[in-house]
Protein backbone atom coordinates (compact mmCIF):
# COMPACT_ATOMS: atom_id res chain seq x y z
CA UNK A 1 86.70 124.10 48.25
CA UNK A 2 90.35 123.11 48.39
CA UNK A 3 93.02 125.74 48.62
CA UNK A 4 96.57 125.12 47.46
CA UNK A 5 99.61 127.12 48.46
CA UNK A 6 101.28 126.22 45.19
CA UNK A 7 104.32 124.74 46.94
CA UNK A 8 105.31 121.26 47.89
CA UNK A 9 103.05 119.35 50.19
CA UNK A 10 104.32 119.35 53.78
CA UNK A 11 105.55 116.04 55.03
CA UNK A 12 103.88 114.72 58.11
CA UNK A 13 105.74 113.00 60.88
CA UNK A 14 104.12 110.09 62.66
CA UNK A 15 102.62 111.02 66.01
CA UNK A 16 103.45 108.74 68.88
CA UNK A 17 100.57 107.65 71.08
CA UNK A 18 102.80 107.30 74.12
CA UNK A 19 103.21 110.26 76.51
CA UNK A 20 106.49 112.17 76.49
CA UNK A 21 109.23 110.84 78.70
CA UNK A 22 109.18 112.25 82.21
CA UNK A 23 112.52 113.20 83.66
CA UNK A 24 113.41 111.58 86.92
CA UNK A 25 113.15 114.14 89.68
CA UNK A 26 115.86 112.62 91.84
CA UNK A 27 116.65 114.35 95.14
CA UNK A 28 115.13 117.73 94.25
CA UNK A 29 111.81 117.40 96.13
CA UNK A 30 113.64 116.22 99.25
CA UNK A 31 116.14 119.07 98.99
CA UNK A 32 113.32 121.62 98.62
CA UNK A 33 111.56 120.15 101.65
CA UNK A 34 114.77 120.25 103.66
CA UNK A 35 115.36 123.87 102.62
CA UNK A 36 111.87 125.02 103.64
CA UNK A 37 111.92 123.13 106.95
CA UNK A 38 115.42 124.39 107.76
CA UNK A 39 114.44 127.99 107.03
CA UNK A 40 111.30 127.72 109.16
CA UNK A 41 113.25 126.11 111.98
CA UNK A 42 115.89 128.83 111.70
CA UNK A 43 113.29 131.60 111.97
CA UNK A 44 111.56 130.01 114.97
CA UNK A 45 114.74 129.17 116.83
CA UNK A 46 116.29 132.59 116.22
CA UNK A 47 113.14 134.31 117.44
CA UNK A 48 112.95 132.12 120.54
CA UNK A 49 116.63 132.67 121.36
CA UNK A 50 117.94 129.13 120.73
CA UNK A 51 121.22 130.14 119.13
CA UNK A 52 122.72 126.70 118.56
CA UNK A 53 119.56 125.30 117.02
CA UNK A 54 119.38 128.36 114.77
CA UNK A 55 122.98 127.87 113.65
CA UNK A 56 122.32 124.21 112.84
CA UNK A 57 119.15 125.03 110.94
CA UNK A 58 120.94 127.79 109.05
CA UNK A 59 123.73 125.41 108.06
CA UNK A 60 121.12 122.88 106.92
CA UNK A 61 119.42 125.54 104.79
CA UNK A 62 122.76 126.60 103.35
CA UNK A 63 123.70 123.00 102.53
CA UNK A 64 120.38 122.18 100.87
CA UNK A 65 120.41 125.43 98.90
CA UNK A 66 123.93 124.69 97.70
CA UNK A 67 122.93 121.16 96.73
CA UNK A 68 119.92 122.49 94.77
CA UNK A 69 122.14 124.92 92.85
CA UNK A 70 124.71 122.21 92.12
CA UNK A 71 121.96 119.83 90.97
CA UNK A 72 120.52 122.53 88.71
CA UNK A 73 123.83 123.23 86.97
CA UNK A 74 124.68 119.54 86.69
CA UNK A 75 121.36 118.58 85.06
CA UNK A 76 120.44 121.63 83.01
CA UNK A 77 119.67 121.25 79.34
CA UNK A 78 122.20 122.61 76.91
């Protein structure tokens, strides 16, 4: 049995066989890795009492976090 909605037939759009375009990831994976390593290094060095290493690791975490936020706002979809 064929059912009809009584309206116009919907138009079909051709389906592409190719996969959708993948966005280039750029520096994001490296920035995430730097953030995680810097945070871990900061925790270990602060616990062990290495103040200067902790300060450097904290600055590295701050810089990579800032770069991730800037990258997000620069490349977000509108």
